[in-house]
């Protein structure tokens, strides 16, 4: 019988940041709770983004964002 291994690369739902909801907080709580350091902000005052190559899908950032700007892409919207 073949052995099936699961890896972090098999995570299918990576959260994303909704720019219209993000307030680009000076002290981003979601960035602080991100263990993989996947939430990156290039320019101060601009909304950050989630690097899918770093994110392993723990979703700790989703409830941490006080603005509700980090959501899971459920692929139901067009």
N, C-alpha and C. Protein backbone atom coordinates (compact mmCIF):
# COMPACT_ATOMS: atom_id res chain seq x y z
N UNK A 1 0.85 -1.18 0.00
CA UNK A 1 0.00 0.00 0.00
C UNK A 1 0.89 1.24 0.00
N UNK A 2 0.62 2.22 -0.89
CA UNK A 2 1.46 3.43 -0.94
C UNK A 2 1.24 4.32 0.29
N UNK A 3 2.29 4.99 0.67
CA UNK A 3 2.23 5.92 1.79
C UNK A 3 1.91 7.31 1.24
N UNK A 4 0.92 7.95 1.84
CA UNK A 4 0.56 9.30 1.41
C UNK A 4 1.08 10.28 2.44
N UNK A 5 1.91 11.20 1.97
CA UNK A 5 2.46 12.21 2.87
C UNK A 5 1.73 13.53 2.64
N UNK A 6 1.49 14.25 3.71
CA UNK A 6 0.94 15.58 3.58
C UNK A 6 2.02 16.58 3.95
N UNK A 7 2.07 17.66 3.22
CA UNK A 7 3.08 18.68 3.48
C UNK A 7 2.41 20.05 3.55
N UNK A 8 3.17 21.03 4.00
CA UNK A 8 2.66 22.39 4.06
C UNK A 8 2.33 22.92 2.67
N UNK A 9 2.97 22.40 1.66
CA UNK A 9 2.73 22.87 0.29
C UNK A 9 1.34 22.49 -0.20
N UNK A 10 0.66 21.59 0.49
CA UNK A 10 -0.66 21.16 0.07
C UNK A 10 -1.78 22.05 0.60
N UNK A 11 -1.44 23.11 1.31
CA UNK A 11 -2.45 24.04 1.79
C UNK A 11 -3.07 24.73 0.59
N UNK A 12 -4.39 24.70 0.51
CA UNK A 12 -5.04 25.25 -0.66
C UNK A 12 -5.64 26.64 -0.41
N UNK A 13 -5.92 26.99 0.82
CA UNK A 13 -6.54 28.27 1.09
C UNK A 13 -5.58 29.18 1.83
N UNK A 14 -5.08 30.16 1.12
CA UNK A 14 -4.19 31.15 1.70
C UNK A 14 -5.01 32.42 1.90
N UNK A 15 -4.97 33.01 3.09
CA UNK A 15 -5.72 34.26 3.30
C UNK A 15 -5.18 35.37 2.41
N UNK A 16 -6.01 36.36 2.15
CA UNK A 16 -5.54 37.54 1.43
C UNK A 16 -6.09 38.79 2.10
N UNK A 17 -5.49 39.92 1.79
CA UNK A 17 -5.86 41.19 2.41
C UNK A 17 -6.73 41.98 1.45
N UNK A 18 -7.87 42.44 1.94
CA UNK A 18 -8.77 43.27 1.16
C UNK A 18 -8.32 44.72 1.35
N UNK A 19 -7.77 45.30 0.28
CA UNK A 19 -7.19 46.64 0.36
C UNK A 19 -8.20 47.69 0.84
N UNK A 20 -9.45 47.57 0.43
CA UNK A 20 -10.47 48.56 0.82
C UNK A 20 -10.77 48.54 2.31
N UNK A 21 -10.55 47.41 2.97
CA UNK A 21 -10.81 47.31 4.41
C UNK A 21 -9.58 47.60 5.26
N UNK A 22 -8.40 47.39 4.68
CA UNK A 22 -7.14 47.55 5.41
C UNK A 22 -6.86 49.03 5.69
N UNK A 23 -6.51 49.32 6.94
CA UNK A 23 -6.17 50.69 7.34
C UNK A 23 -4.66 50.91 7.40
N UNK A 24 -3.88 49.91 6.99
CA UNK A 24 -2.41 49.99 7.00
C UNK A 24 -1.91 50.50 8.35
N UNK A 25 -2.34 49.82 9.40
CA UNK A 25 -1.99 50.22 10.77
C UNK A 25 -0.47 50.30 10.95
N UNK A 26 -0.06 51.29 11.71
CA UNK A 26 1.37 51.44 11.98
C UNK A 26 1.91 50.20 12.68
N UNK A 27 1.16 49.70 13.66
CA UNK A 27 1.52 48.47 14.37
C UNK A 27 0.52 47.40 13.97
N UNK A 28 0.84 46.65 12.94
CA UNK A 28 -0.07 45.64 12.40
C UNK A 28 -0.05 44.39 13.30
N UNK A 29 -1.16 44.16 13.98
CA UNK A 29 -1.25 43.01 14.89
C UNK A 29 -1.14 41.70 14.12
N UNK A 30 -1.72 41.66 12.94
CA UNK A 30 -1.68 40.44 12.13
C UNK A 30 -0.24 40.08 11.74
N UNK A 31 0.57 41.07 11.44
CA UNK A 31 1.98 40.80 11.13
C UNK A 31 2.70 40.24 12.34
N UNK A 32 2.34 40.70 13.52
CA UNK A 32 2.97 40.22 14.75
C UNK A 32 2.65 38.76 15.02
N UNK A 33 1.42 38.32 14.71
CA UNK A 33 1.04 36.94 15.01
C UNK A 33 1.44 35.96 13.90
N UNK A 34 1.83 36.47 12.75
CA UNK A 34 2.21 35.59 11.64
C UNK A 34 3.54 34.91 11.93
N UNK A 35 3.49 33.62 12.18
CA UNK A 35 4.69 32.86 12.54
C UNK A 35 5.63 32.65 11.35
N UNK A 36 5.09 32.68 10.15
CA UNK A 36 5.93 32.45 8.97
C UNK A 36 6.43 33.75 8.35
N UNK A 37 6.05 34.88 8.94
CA UNK A 37 6.44 36.21 8.45
C UNK A 37 6.03 36.39 6.99
N UNK A 38 4.82 35.94 6.67
CA UNK A 38 4.32 36.01 5.29
C UNK A 38 3.62 37.32 4.98
N UNK A 39 3.28 38.11 5.99
CA UNK A 39 2.61 39.39 5.75
C UNK A 39 3.69 40.45 5.59
N UNK A 40 3.78 40.97 4.39
CA UNK A 40 4.83 41.93 4.04
C UNK A 40 4.23 43.27 3.68
N UNK A 41 4.94 44.33 4.06
CA UNK A 41 4.50 45.68 3.72
C UNK A 41 5.69 46.39 3.10
N UNK A 42 5.54 46.77 1.84
CA UNK A 42 6.64 47.41 1.11
C UNK A 42 6.77 48.88 1.49
N UNK A 43 5.66 49.62 1.39
CA UNK A 43 5.68 51.05 1.69
C UNK A 43 4.82 51.36 2.91
N UNK A 44 5.35 52.16 3.85
CA UNK A 44 4.53 52.57 5.00
C UNK A 44 3.28 53.31 4.52
N UNK A 45 2.16 53.03 5.15
CA UNK A 45 0.92 53.68 4.76
C UNK A 45 0.17 52.96 3.67
N UNK A 46 0.79 51.99 3.05
CA UNK A 46 0.13 51.17 2.02
C UNK A 46 -0.27 49.83 2.64
N UNK A 47 -1.35 49.23 2.16
CA UNK A 47 -1.75 47.92 2.69
C UNK A 47 -0.67 46.86 2.44
N UNK A 48 -0.46 45.98 3.40
CA UNK A 48 0.49 44.88 3.20
C UNK A 48 -0.12 43.81 2.29
N UNK A 49 0.64 42.79 2.02
CA UNK A 49 0.14 41.65 1.25
C UNK A 49 0.67 40.38 1.88
N UNK A 50 0.04 39.27 1.54
CA UNK A 50 0.47 37.98 2.06
C UNK A 50 1.22 37.24 0.98
N UNK A 51 2.46 36.90 1.27
CA UNK A 51 3.30 36.16 0.33
C UNK A 51 2.92 34.69 0.39
N UNK A 52 2.28 34.16 -0.66
CA UNK A 52 1.84 32.76 -0.61
C UNK A 52 2.99 31.76 -0.53
N UNK A 53 4.18 32.16 -0.93
CA UNK A 53 5.31 31.22 -0.84
C UNK A 53 5.80 31.08 0.59
N UNK A 54 5.47 32.02 1.46
CA UNK A 54 5.85 31.94 2.87
C UNK A 54 4.71 31.43 3.75
N UNK A 55 3.48 31.73 3.37
CA UNK A 55 2.32 31.39 4.20
C UNK A 55 2.08 29.89 4.16
N UNK A 56 1.90 29.30 5.34
CA UNK A 56 1.58 27.88 5.37
C UNK A 56 0.17 27.61 5.87
N UNK A 57 -0.65 28.65 5.89
CA UNK A 57 -2.08 28.47 6.11
C UNK A 57 -2.54 28.26 7.53
N UNK A 58 -1.81 28.77 8.52
CA UNK A 58 -2.26 28.58 9.91
C UNK A 58 -3.48 29.45 10.22
N UNK A 59 -3.67 30.52 9.48
CA UNK A 59 -4.81 31.43 9.57
C UNK A 59 -4.89 32.20 10.89
N UNK A 60 -3.79 32.30 11.60
CA UNK A 60 -3.78 33.08 12.84
C UNK A 60 -4.00 34.56 12.57
N UNK A 61 -3.68 35.01 11.38
CA UNK A 61 -3.81 36.42 11.03
C UNK A 61 -5.27 36.85 10.83
N UNK A 62 -6.13 35.91 10.43
CA UNK A 62 -7.52 36.25 10.11
C UNK A 62 -8.24 36.87 11.31
N UNK A 63 -8.28 36.22 12.47
CA UNK A 63 -8.95 36.85 13.61
C UNK A 63 -8.14 37.98 14.25
N UNK A 64 -6.84 38.03 13.96
CA UNK A 64 -5.98 39.04 14.59
C UNK A 64 -6.18 40.43 14.02
N UNK A 65 -6.63 40.53 12.78
CA UNK A 65 -6.80 41.84 12.14
C UNK A 65 -8.03 42.54 12.71
N UNK A 66 -7.86 43.69 13.37
CA UNK A 66 -9.00 44.38 13.98
C UNK A 66 -9.96 44.97 12.95
N UNK A 67 -9.51 45.16 11.72
CA UNK A 67 -10.36 45.72 10.67
C UNK A 67 -11.12 44.66 9.89
N UNK A 68 -10.77 43.38 10.10
CA UNK A 68 -11.40 42.31 9.34
C UNK A 68 -10.96 42.30 7.88
N UNK A 69 -9.77 42.83 7.63
CA UNK A 69 -9.28 42.97 6.26
C UNK A 69 -8.61 41.71 5.71
N UNK A 70 -8.34 40.74 6.57
CA UNK A 70 -7.72 39.50 6.11
C UNK A 70 -8.81 38.43 6.04
N UNK A 71 -9.00 37.93 4.84
CA UNK A 71 -10.08 36.98 4.60
C UNK A 71 -9.56 35.75 3.87
N UNK A 72 -10.34 34.69 3.92
CA UNK A 72 -10.00 33.48 3.17
C UNK A 72 -10.70 33.55 1.83
N UNK A 73 -10.00 33.23 0.78
CA UNK A 73 -10.57 33.23 -0.56
C UNK A 73 -11.31 31.90 -0.74
N UNK A 74 -12.64 31.98 -0.74
CA UNK A 74 -13.42 30.76 -0.85
C UNK A 74 -13.77 30.41 -2.29
N UNK A 75 -13.26 31.17 -3.25
CA UNK A 75 -13.44 30.93 -4.68
C UNK A 75 -14.91 30.97 -5.11
N UNK A 76 -15.79 31.60 -4.32
CA UNK A 76 -17.18 31.71 -4.73
C UNK A 76 -17.51 33.05 -5.34
N UNK A 77 -16.65 34.03 -5.14
CA UNK A 77 -16.91 35.34 -5.73
C UNK A 77 -16.20 35.45 -7.07
N UNK A 78 -16.74 36.29 -7.97
CA UNK A 78 -16.09 36.42 -9.28
C UNK A 78 -15.26 37.66 -9.37
